[in-house]
């Protein structure tokens, strides 16, 4: 839980900031060429390279494993909403992959 709180995805107007261990990686939306979904993760295909977005932590009960939600404006929302938000801001549709 503390790892999940120490890391975050920050949606800006023109870019996505990924904060991990105090380091910020900035991904401008105009560099995104495709968004590929696979289960609970998304791969952002950029003009040069890729960025994988996946949950920082999971809640487990028996065989069930659910990603810890994402906070938006202080409210917990499903993690998948992050992918939809990135898609809307970048203008790139989500693509399901196997």
Protein backbone atom coordinates (compact mmCIF):
# COMPACT_ATOMS: atom_id res chain seq x y z
CA UNK A 1 0.00 0.00 0.00
CA UNK A 2 2.81 2.42 0.82
CA UNK A 3 4.45 1.70 -2.55
CA UNK A 4 1.18 2.52 -4.31
CA UNK A 5 0.91 5.81 -2.44
CA UNK A 6 4.53 6.78 -3.15
CA UNK A 7 4.01 6.42 -6.90
CA UNK A 8 1.46 8.14 -9.07
CA UNK A 9 0.20 8.98 -12.54
CA UNK A 10 -0.45 12.71 -12.96
CA UNK A 11 -2.65 13.74 -15.86
CA UNK A 12 -1.69 17.18 -17.12
CA UNK A 13 -3.30 19.12 -19.95
CA UNK A 14 -0.61 18.28 -22.54
CA UNK A 15 1.25 15.37 -20.93
CA UNK A 16 1.17 12.41 -18.57
CA UNK A 17 3.66 12.46 -15.69
CA UNK A 18 4.62 9.09 -14.22
CA UNK A 19 6.14 9.47 -10.75
CA UNK A 20 8.08 6.46 -9.48
CA UNK A 21 10.48 6.51 -6.57
CA UNK A 22 10.76 10.30 -6.74
CA UNK A 23 11.61 10.29 -10.46
CA UNK A 24 9.22 11.91 -12.95
CA UNK A 25 8.90 10.57 -16.50
CA UNK A 26 6.94 12.89 -18.79
CA UNK A 27 5.02 11.53 -21.78
CA UNK A 28 3.54 14.24 -24.04
CA UNK A 29 0.19 13.13 -25.50
CA UNK A 30 1.27 14.10 -29.03
CA UNK A 31 4.02 11.42 -28.90
CA UNK A 32 1.49 8.61 -28.36
CA UNK A 33 0.80 6.66 -31.57
CA UNK A 34 -1.17 3.71 -30.13
CA UNK A 35 -2.54 2.46 -26.80
CA UNK A 36 -2.56 -1.34 -26.50
CA UNK A 37 -4.55 -2.89 -23.62
CA UNK A 38 -3.82 -6.28 -22.12
CA UNK A 39 -5.71 -7.31 -18.96
CA UNK A 40 -4.81 -4.66 -16.34
CA UNK A 41 -1.99 -2.92 -18.18
CA UNK A 42 -1.58 -0.61 -21.15
CA UNK A 43 1.36 -0.14 -23.47
CA UNK A 44 1.73 3.35 -24.86
CA UNK A 45 3.42 3.08 -28.25
CA UNK A 46 5.32 6.33 -28.75
CA UNK A 47 7.00 7.80 -31.81
CA UNK A 48 10.22 6.40 -30.29
CA UNK A 49 9.84 3.55 -27.81
CA UNK A 50 7.08 2.36 -25.50
CA UNK A 51 5.86 2.97 -21.96
CA UNK A 52 4.01 0.31 -19.96
CA UNK A 53 1.42 1.50 -17.45
CA UNK A 54 0.38 -1.03 -14.86
CA UNK A 55 -0.94 -0.92 -11.32
CA UNK A 56 1.60 -0.27 -8.59
CA UNK A 57 -0.14 -2.71 -6.23
CA UNK A 58 -2.88 -5.34 -6.08
CA UNK A 59 -5.35 -6.55 -3.49
CA UNK A 60 -5.42 -10.34 -3.25
CA UNK A 61 -7.95 -12.70 -1.71
CA UNK A 62 -7.43 -16.35 -2.54
CA UNK A 63 -7.06 -16.60 -6.30
CA UNK A 64 -8.64 -13.21 -6.95
CA UNK A 65 -6.22 -10.38 -7.69
CA UNK A 66 -7.56 -6.87 -8.27
CA UNK A 67 -5.50 -3.74 -9.04
CA UNK A 68 -5.56 -1.03 -6.39
CA UNK A 69 -7.72 1.81 -7.66
CA UNK A 70 -6.50 5.11 -8.97
CA UNK A 71 -7.36 8.42 -7.34
CA UNK A 72 -8.81 11.21 -9.40
CA UNK A 73 -9.55 14.51 -7.69
CA UNK A 74 -9.23 12.74 -4.34
CA UNK A 75 -11.77 10.02 -5.19
CA UNK A 76 -10.96 6.35 -5.80
CA UNK A 77 -11.87 5.23 -9.31
CA UNK A 78 -11.22 1.98 -11.23
CA UNK A 79 -7.67 1.71 -12.57
CA UNK A 80 -8.97 1.20 -16.13
CA UNK A 81 -10.35 4.75 -16.11
CA UNK A 82 -6.74 5.96 -16.31
CA UNK A 83 -6.40 4.32 -19.74
CA UNK A 84 -9.64 5.90 -20.94
CA UNK A 85 -8.49 9.32 -19.73
CA UNK A 86 -5.16 9.01 -21.57
CA UNK A 87 -7.03 7.89 -24.70
CA UNK A 88 -9.39 10.87 -24.53
CA UNK A 89 -6.62 13.40 -24.00
CA UNK A 90 -4.34 11.98 -26.70
CA UNK A 91 -7.11 11.32 -29.23
CA UNK A 92 -5.81 7.77 -29.70
CA UNK A 93 -8.32 4.87 -29.39
CA UNK A 94 -7.70 1.94 -27.05
CA UNK A 95 -6.79 -1.35 -28.77
CA UNK A 96 -7.23 -4.75 -27.08
CA UNK A 97 -4.32 -7.19 -27.55
CA UNK A 98 -3.93 -10.85 -26.67
